[in-house]
Amino acid sequence: MKKAMYCIIPLLIIITLGCDNMEDNYQHYKSNRIYSPKVIDLTADVGYRTAILEWTNPTGDIAKTIEIEYDDVVIKSIEMIEYYQLTDLELKGYLISVFTVDLHGNRSVPAQVYIFPSGEEGS
């Protein structure tokens, strides 16, 4: 029984000290901040080194513009577009992220789609 106590007491101390500031992990999510709503139903139609992205914009008037991001490329629209054609893509895989942006520049959670452009014309 004493051996068990020697194991349990240090374990309780470690747990108590390790959980001291757990609120720090989610503190920035506890504000009353309203995030820009995300786009839904993101699809991609790939072709010869191109991809046409289409999505449905959220309802309401919080979101003001769209941003598309892949690799190190960021494409910023000046309005709420519902499609965009990517051109001159390399023959590799891309993770495409589409965000809405509100009046204050806050981006939504991304809607994402993975694409691999075709390397043959007419496909």
Protein backbone atom coordinates (compact mmCIF):
# COMPACT_ATOMS: atom_id res chain seq x y z
CA MET A 1 0.00 0.00 0.00
CA LYS A 2 2.87 2.38 0.82
CA LYS A 3 4.40 1.74 -2.61
CA ALA A 4 1.14 2.76 -4.26
CA MET A 5 1.04 5.97 -2.22
CA TYR A 6 4.59 6.82 -3.31
CA CYS A 7 3.42 6.60 -6.93
CA ILE A 8 0.04 8.30 -6.55
CA ILE A 9 1.18 11.38 -4.61
CA PRO A 10 3.83 12.49 -7.17
CA LEU A 11 1.35 11.81 -9.97
CA LEU A 12 -1.27 14.04 -8.32
CA ILE A 13 1.30 16.80 -7.84
CA ILE A 14 2.35 16.63 -11.51
CA ILE A 15 -1.27 16.73 -12.69
CA THR A 16 -2.09 19.67 -10.40
CA LEU A 17 0.94 21.70 -11.50
CA GLY A 18 0.57 20.76 -15.19
CA CYS A 19 -3.05 21.94 -15.37
CA ASP A 20 -2.42 25.28 -13.69
CA ASN A 21 -2.96 27.46 -16.79
CA MET A 22 -5.19 25.36 -19.04
CA GLU A 23 -7.37 28.42 -19.70
CA ASP A 24 -4.43 29.97 -21.59
CA ASN A 25 -4.98 27.39 -24.35
CA TYR A 26 -8.40 28.77 -25.29
CA GLN A 27 -8.36 32.32 -23.89
CA HIS A 28 -8.28 33.99 -27.34
CA TYR A 29 -11.49 32.12 -28.31
CA LYS A 30 -13.49 33.41 -25.31
CA SER A 31 -14.07 36.92 -26.68
CA ASN A 32 -17.31 38.28 -28.11
CA ARG A 33 -15.65 38.61 -31.49
CA ILE A 34 -17.80 37.67 -34.48
CA TYR A 35 -15.83 35.80 -37.10
CA SER A 36 -16.52 36.11 -40.81
CA PRO A 37 -18.66 33.14 -41.93
CA LYS A 38 -17.04 30.60 -44.25
CA VAL A 39 -18.00 29.63 -47.77
CA ILE A 40 -19.66 26.24 -48.28
CA ASP A 41 -19.81 23.63 -51.02
CA LEU A 42 -16.34 24.38 -52.42
CA THR A 43 -15.68 22.34 -55.57
CA ALA A 44 -12.97 22.29 -58.22
CA ASP A 45 -13.19 21.33 -61.88
CA VAL A 46 -9.64 20.65 -63.05
CA GLY A 47 -8.39 20.83 -66.61
CA TYR A 48 -5.14 21.28 -68.51
CA ARG A 49 -3.04 23.21 -65.96
CA THR A 50 -6.18 25.01 -64.75
CA ALA A 51 -8.87 24.65 -62.12
CA ILE A 52 -12.21 26.37 -61.85
CA LEU A 53 -13.20 26.81 -58.21
CA GLU A 54 -16.86 27.28 -57.29
CA TRP A 55 -18.53 27.76 -53.91
CA THR A 56 -21.60 29.13 -52.18
CA ASN A 57 -21.15 32.35 -50.25
CA PRO A 58 -22.63 32.66 -46.74
CA THR A 59 -25.83 34.60 -46.23
CA GLY A 60 -25.81 37.91 -44.38
CA ASP A 61 -23.66 40.97 -44.76
CA ILE A 62 -20.69 40.26 -42.48
CA ALA A 63 -18.41 38.87 -45.22
CA LYS A 64 -17.26 41.53 -47.71
CA THR A 65 -14.57 39.94 -49.91
CA ILE A 66 -13.02 36.58 -50.83
CA GLU A 67 -9.40 35.41 -50.53
CA ILE A 68 -8.01 32.32 -52.25
CA GLU A 69 -4.74 30.86 -51.04
CA TYR A 70 -2.48 28.05 -52.27
CA ASP A 71 1.25 27.47 -51.89
CA ASP A 72 2.64 31.02 -51.46
CA VAL A 73 -0.07 32.63 -53.62
CA VAL A 74 -2.85 34.81 -52.16
CA ILE A 75 -5.57 36.09 -54.48
CA LYS A 76 -7.74 38.87 -53.05
CA SER A 77 -11.07 39.84 -54.60
CA ILE A 78 -12.73 43.20 -54.18
CA GLU A 79 -16.21 41.73 -53.85
CA MET A 80 -18.04 38.52 -52.95
CA ILE A 81 -17.28 36.37 -56.00
CA GLU A 82 -18.62 32.80 -56.28
CA TYR A 83 -16.06 31.27 -58.64
CA TYR A 84 -12.49 31.77 -59.79
CA GLN A 85 -10.28 30.16 -62.45
CA LEU A 86 -6.71 29.30 -61.53
CA THR A 87 -4.37 29.17 -64.55
CA ASP A 88 -0.76 28.23 -65.33
CA LEU A 89 -0.69 25.60 -62.61
CA GLU A 90 2.17 23.15 -62.37
CA LEU A 91 1.51 19.43 -62.56
CA LYS A 92 1.47 18.78 -58.84
CA GLY A 93 -1.02 18.65 -56.01
CA TYR A 94 -2.41 21.83 -54.50
CA LEU A 95 -4.35 22.43 -51.30
CA ILE A 96 -6.64 25.36 -52.13
CA SER A 97 -8.16 27.43 -49.30
CA VAL A 98 -11.01 29.90 -49.79
CA PHE A 99 -11.75 32.46 -47.08
CA THR A 100 -14.29 35.21 -46.60
CA VAL A 101 -13.00 38.47 -45.17
CA ASP A 102 -15.04 40.94 -43.14
CA LEU A 103 -14.88 44.74 -43.08
CA HIS A 104 -12.08 44.66 -40.46
CA GLY A 105 -9.88 42.23 -42.38
CA ASN A 106 -10.73 39.18 -40.25
CA ARG A 107 -10.63 35.96 -42.26
CA SER A 108 -13.04 33.07 -41.84
CA VAL A 109 -12.18 29.46 -41.24
CA PRO A 110 -11.02 28.15 -44.63
CA ALA A 111 -13.03 25.97 -46.96
CA GLN A 112 -10.49 23.66 -48.59
CA VAL A 113 -10.20 21.39 -51.59
CA TYR A 114 -7.24 19.36 -52.87
CA ILE A 115 -6.61 19.43 -56.63
CA PHE A 116 -4.20 17.88 -59.10
CA PRO A 117 -4.32 19.63 -62.53
CA SER A 118 -4.30 17.57 -65.70
CA GLY A 119 -1.16 17.42 -67.83
CA GLU A 120 -2.91 16.64 -71.07
CA GLU A 121 -4.86 19.03 -73.24
CA GLY A 122 -8.46 18.07 -73.83
CA SER A 123 -8.87 16.18 -70.51
